[in-house]
N, C-alpha and C. Protein backbone atom coordinates (compact mmCIF):
# COMPACT_ATOMS: atom_id res chain seq x y z
N UNK A 1 -21.07 -36.49 -10.60
CA UNK A 1 -20.53 -38.01 -9.73
C UNK A 1 -19.38 -38.37 -11.43
N UNK A 2 -19.73 -38.32 -12.14
CA UNK A 2 -18.56 -39.40 -13.07
C UNK A 2 -17.94 -38.61 -13.19
N UNK A 3 -17.24 -37.40 -13.37
CA UNK A 3 -16.40 -36.86 -13.22
C UNK A 3 -15.16 -37.23 -11.72
N UNK A 4 -15.89 -37.22 -10.73
CA UNK A 4 -15.40 -37.16 -9.57
C UNK A 4 -14.70 -38.84 -9.28
N UNK A 5 -16.07 -40.01 -9.92
CA UNK A 5 -15.14 -41.21 -10.38
C UNK A 5 -14.23 -40.73 -10.73
N UNK A 6 -13.90 -40.20 -12.25
CA UNK A 6 -12.78 -40.10 -12.94
C UNK A 6 -11.58 -39.83 -12.49
N UNK A 7 -11.87 -39.07 -11.79
CA UNK A 7 -10.63 -38.04 -11.28
C UNK A 7 -9.81 -38.94 -10.75
N UNK A 8 -10.98 -39.86 -9.32
CA UNK A 8 -10.16 -40.80 -8.05
C UNK A 8 -9.37 -41.84 -9.17
N UNK A 9 -10.29 -42.31 -10.47
CA UNK A 9 -9.01 -43.27 -10.97
C UNK A 9 -8.08 -42.50 -11.82
N UNK A 10 -7.94 -41.48 -11.63
CA UNK A 10 -6.71 -40.99 -12.24
C UNK A 10 -5.85 -40.64 -11.80
N UNK A 11 -5.68 -40.57 -10.20
CA UNK A 11 -4.90 -40.03 -8.98
C UNK A 11 -5.04 -41.24 -8.06
N UNK A 12 -5.65 -41.99 -8.28
CA UNK A 12 -5.01 -43.61 -7.14
C UNK A 12 -6.37 -42.60 -6.12
N UNK A 13 -7.81 -42.34 -5.88
CA UNK A 13 -8.64 -42.21 -4.89
C UNK A 13 -8.11 -41.03 -4.34
N UNK A 14 -6.92 -40.08 -4.68
CA UNK A 14 -6.87 -38.96 -3.56
C UNK A 14 -7.03 -37.98 -4.42
N UNK A 15 -7.48 -36.86 -3.25
CA UNK A 15 -7.13 -35.70 -3.74
C UNK A 15 -6.12 -35.27 -4.55
N UNK A 16 -6.32 -34.40 -5.59
CA UNK A 16 -5.73 -34.29 -6.19
C UNK A 16 -4.46 -33.12 -5.39
N UNK A 17 -4.93 -32.17 -4.70
CA UNK A 17 -4.27 -31.70 -3.71
C UNK A 17 -3.08 -31.91 -2.71
N UNK A 18 -3.12 -33.64 -2.51
CA UNK A 18 -2.46 -34.13 -1.47
C UNK A 18 -1.37 -35.40 -2.41
N UNK A 19 -1.55 -34.81 -4.13
CA UNK A 19 -0.27 -35.83 -4.11
C UNK A 19 1.08 -35.17 -4.06
N UNK A 20 2.16 -35.80 -4.18
CA UNK A 20 3.37 -35.58 -4.36
C UNK A 20 3.95 -34.29 -5.59
N UNK A 21 3.24 -35.12 -6.31
CA UNK A 21 3.07 -34.15 -8.03
C UNK A 21 2.25 -33.09 -7.95
N UNK A 22 1.64 -32.96 -7.95
CA UNK A 22 0.86 -31.62 -7.47
C UNK A 22 1.15 -30.28 -6.63
N UNK A 23 2.07 -31.13 -5.25
CA UNK A 23 2.88 -30.13 -4.58
C UNK A 23 3.77 -29.77 -4.94
N UNK A 24 4.30 -30.42 -5.76
CA UNK A 24 5.88 -30.27 -6.65
C UNK A 24 5.31 -29.48 -7.43
N UNK A 25 4.28 -29.17 -8.19
CA UNK A 25 3.96 -28.41 -9.09
C UNK A 25 4.31 -27.08 -8.82
N UNK A 26 3.21 -27.13 -7.75
CA UNK A 26 2.48 -25.87 -6.75
C UNK A 26 3.67 -25.31 -6.57
N UNK A 27 4.75 -25.86 -5.88
CA UNK A 27 6.30 -25.33 -5.33
C UNK A 27 6.71 -24.34 -6.50
N UNK A 28 6.75 -25.49 -7.46
CA UNK A 28 7.47 -24.64 -8.91
C UNK A 28 6.81 -23.45 -9.08
N UNK A 29 5.17 -23.23 -9.32
CA UNK A 29 4.56 -22.03 -9.89
C UNK A 29 4.64 -21.42 -8.77
N UNK A 30 4.95 -21.26 -7.46
CA UNK A 30 5.28 -20.44 -6.47
C UNK A 30 6.51 -19.45 -6.33
N UNK A 31 7.39 -20.70 -6.91
CA UNK A 31 8.63 -20.17 -7.10
C UNK A 31 8.63 -18.93 -8.38
N UNK A 32 8.32 -19.74 -9.59
CA UNK A 32 7.85 -18.92 -10.60
C UNK A 32 7.23 -17.19 -11.00
N UNK A 33 5.87 -17.60 -9.58
CA UNK A 33 5.52 -16.15 -9.77
C UNK A 33 6.37 -15.29 -8.50
N UNK A 34 6.88 -15.96 -7.44
CA UNK A 34 7.80 -15.10 -7.28
C UNK A 34 9.15 -14.11 -7.29
N UNK A 35 9.24 -15.39 -8.39
CA UNK A 35 10.49 -14.67 -9.35
C UNK A 35 10.15 -13.17 -10.40
N UNK A 36 9.10 -13.94 -10.41
CA UNK A 36 8.37 -13.06 -11.99
C UNK A 36 8.23 -11.32 -10.83
N UNK A 37 7.56 -11.75 -10.03
CA UNK A 37 7.03 -10.65 -8.98
C UNK A 37 8.56 -9.29 -8.63
N UNK A 38 9.63 -10.22 -7.69
CA UNK A 38 10.58 -9.65 -7.81
C UNK A 38 11.74 -8.94 -8.86
N UNK A 39 10.74 -9.62 -10.02
CA UNK A 39 11.40 -8.79 -11.54
C UNK A 39 11.03 -7.84 -11.80
N UNK A 40 9.35 -8.17 -11.70
CA UNK A 40 8.72 -6.72 -11.60
C UNK A 40 8.96 -5.35 -10.94
N UNK A 41 9.19 -6.12 -9.48
CA UNK A 41 9.44 -4.89 -8.46
C UNK A 41 10.58 -4.25 -8.52
N UNK A 42 11.78 -5.24 -9.18
CA UNK A 42 13.28 -4.14 -9.73
C UNK A 42 12.79 -3.66 -10.24
N UNK A 43 12.42 -4.00 -11.38
CA UNK A 43 11.69 -2.86 -12.63
C UNK A 43 11.38 -1.51 -12.27
N UNK A 44 9.94 -1.66 -11.49
CA UNK A 44 9.56 -0.35 -10.98
C UNK A 44 10.29 0.31 -10.08
N UNK A 45 11.09 -0.08 -9.42
CA UNK A 45 12.01 0.83 -8.33
C UNK A 45 13.15 1.02 -9.47
N UNK A 46 13.64 0.55 -10.32
CA UNK A 46 14.19 1.39 -11.36
C UNK A 46 13.93 2.34 -12.38
N UNK A 47 12.40 2.44 -12.55
CA UNK A 47 11.75 3.38 -13.07
C UNK A 47 11.33 4.40 -12.11
N UNK A 48 11.38 4.26 -11.02
CA UNK A 48 11.07 5.29 -10.33
C UNK A 48 12.32 5.83 -9.65
N UNK A 49 13.14 5.35 -9.79
CA UNK A 49 14.94 6.31 -9.23
C UNK A 49 14.77 7.19 -10.84
N UNK A 50 14.74 6.96 -11.82
CA UNK A 50 14.63 7.08 -13.24
C UNK A 50 14.24 8.75 -13.26
N UNK A 51 12.95 8.67 -12.77
CA UNK A 51 11.66 9.81 -12.65
C UNK A 51 12.34 10.52 -11.54
N UNK A 52 12.63 9.91 -10.71
CA UNK A 52 13.37 10.88 -9.53
C UNK A 52 14.59 11.78 -9.94
N UNK A 53 15.41 11.14 -10.74
CA UNK A 53 16.66 11.89 -11.18
C UNK A 53 16.24 12.79 -12.56
N UNK A 54 14.95 12.92 -13.53
CA UNK A 54 14.74 13.06 -14.61
C UNK A 54 14.08 14.63 -13.76
N UNK A 55 13.61 14.30 -13.00
CA UNK A 55 12.26 15.24 -11.74
C UNK A 55 13.88 16.46 -11.81
N UNK A 56 14.96 15.93 -10.99
CA UNK A 56 16.12 16.57 -10.27
C UNK A 56 16.21 17.14 -11.59
N UNK A 57 16.48 16.65 -12.29
CA UNK A 57 17.79 17.42 -13.80
C UNK A 57 16.34 18.56 -14.08
N UNK A 58 15.16 18.43 -14.03
CA UNK A 58 14.49 19.68 -14.67
C UNK A 58 14.75 20.61 -14.01
N UNK A 59 14.53 20.01 -12.55
CA UNK A 59 14.69 21.63 -11.89
C UNK A 59 15.95 21.94 -11.45
N UNK A 60 17.11 22.03 -11.41
CA UNK A 60 18.39 22.40 -12.16
C UNK A 60 18.02 23.23 -13.44
N UNK A 61 17.48 22.73 -14.54
CA UNK A 61 17.22 22.95 -15.73
C UNK A 61 16.55 24.50 -15.89
N UNK A 62 15.71 24.32 -14.91
CA UNK A 62 14.62 24.81 -14.22
C UNK A 62 15.57 26.49 -13.90
N UNK A 63 16.62 26.32 -12.58
CA UNK A 63 17.27 27.19 -11.85
C UNK A 63 17.94 27.65 -13.37
N UNK A 64 18.97 26.95 -13.92
CA UNK A 64 19.62 28.06 -14.70
C UNK A 64 19.28 28.95 -16.04
N UNK A 65 17.83 28.32 -16.46
CA UNK A 65 16.99 29.55 -17.11
C UNK A 65 16.81 30.93 -16.01
N UNK A 66 15.92 30.17 -14.91
CA UNK A 66 15.76 31.65 -14.23
C UNK A 66 16.95 32.38 -14.42
N UNK A 67 18.27 31.99 -14.19
CA UNK A 67 19.39 32.63 -13.68
C UNK A 67 19.84 33.84 -15.02
N UNK A 68 19.52 32.60 -16.15
CA UNK A 68 19.81 33.56 -17.41
C UNK A 68 18.86 34.21 -18.04
N UNK A 69 17.34 34.51 -17.02
CA UNK A 69 16.78 35.38 -17.76
C UNK A 69 16.55 36.38 -16.92
N UNK A 70 17.30 36.33 -15.73
CA UNK A 70 17.99 37.41 -14.49
C UNK A 70 18.53 37.98 -15.59
N UNK A 71 19.85 37.42 -15.74
CA UNK A 71 21.04 37.97 -16.56
C UNK A 71 20.57 38.57 -17.70
N UNK A 72 19.95 38.61 -18.30
CA UNK A 72 19.12 38.67 -19.22
C UNK A 72 18.73 40.33 -19.26
N UNK A 73 17.53 40.29 -17.98
CA UNK A 73 17.23 41.14 -17.42
C UNK A 73 18.22 42.75 -17.06
N UNK A 74 18.83 41.75 -16.43
CA UNK A 74 19.87 42.73 -15.93
C UNK A 74 20.66 43.47 -16.97
N UNK A 75 21.09 43.03 -17.96
CA UNK A 75 22.07 43.32 -18.91
C UNK A 75 21.40 44.86 -19.83
N UNK A 76 19.52 44.33 -20.12
CA UNK A 76 19.10 45.24 -20.79
C UNK A 76 18.63 46.39 -20.03
N UNK A 77 18.43 45.88 -18.67
CA UNK A 77 18.58 47.49 -17.96
C UNK A 77 19.79 48.19 -17.99
N UNK A 78 20.77 47.60 -18.12
CA UNK A 78 21.62 48.41 -18.03
C UNK A 78 22.18 48.93 -19.82
N UNK A 79 21.73 48.56 -20.61
CA UNK A 79 21.89 49.43 -21.67
C UNK A 79 21.07 50.52 -22.27
N UNK A 80 19.65 50.09 -21.50
CA UNK A 80 18.66 51.60 -21.57
C UNK A 80 19.15 52.10 -20.25
């Protein structure tokens, strides 16, 4: 009860959620959270693309190694 009375005194008897200062701070916090979320989303998308490119590069490298192996097998067969 004392806490309730003190909070009413501090904010003029209104609920804190109804005060303009609270709403302004809430909007600022929403903007901050949204900006952080968007930044992390962009970062994750860049990381996903990098992983995708790395996979493609590994696949190309595997193909080159397989081709090289086949050439070595063919050359060895010619020598024998």
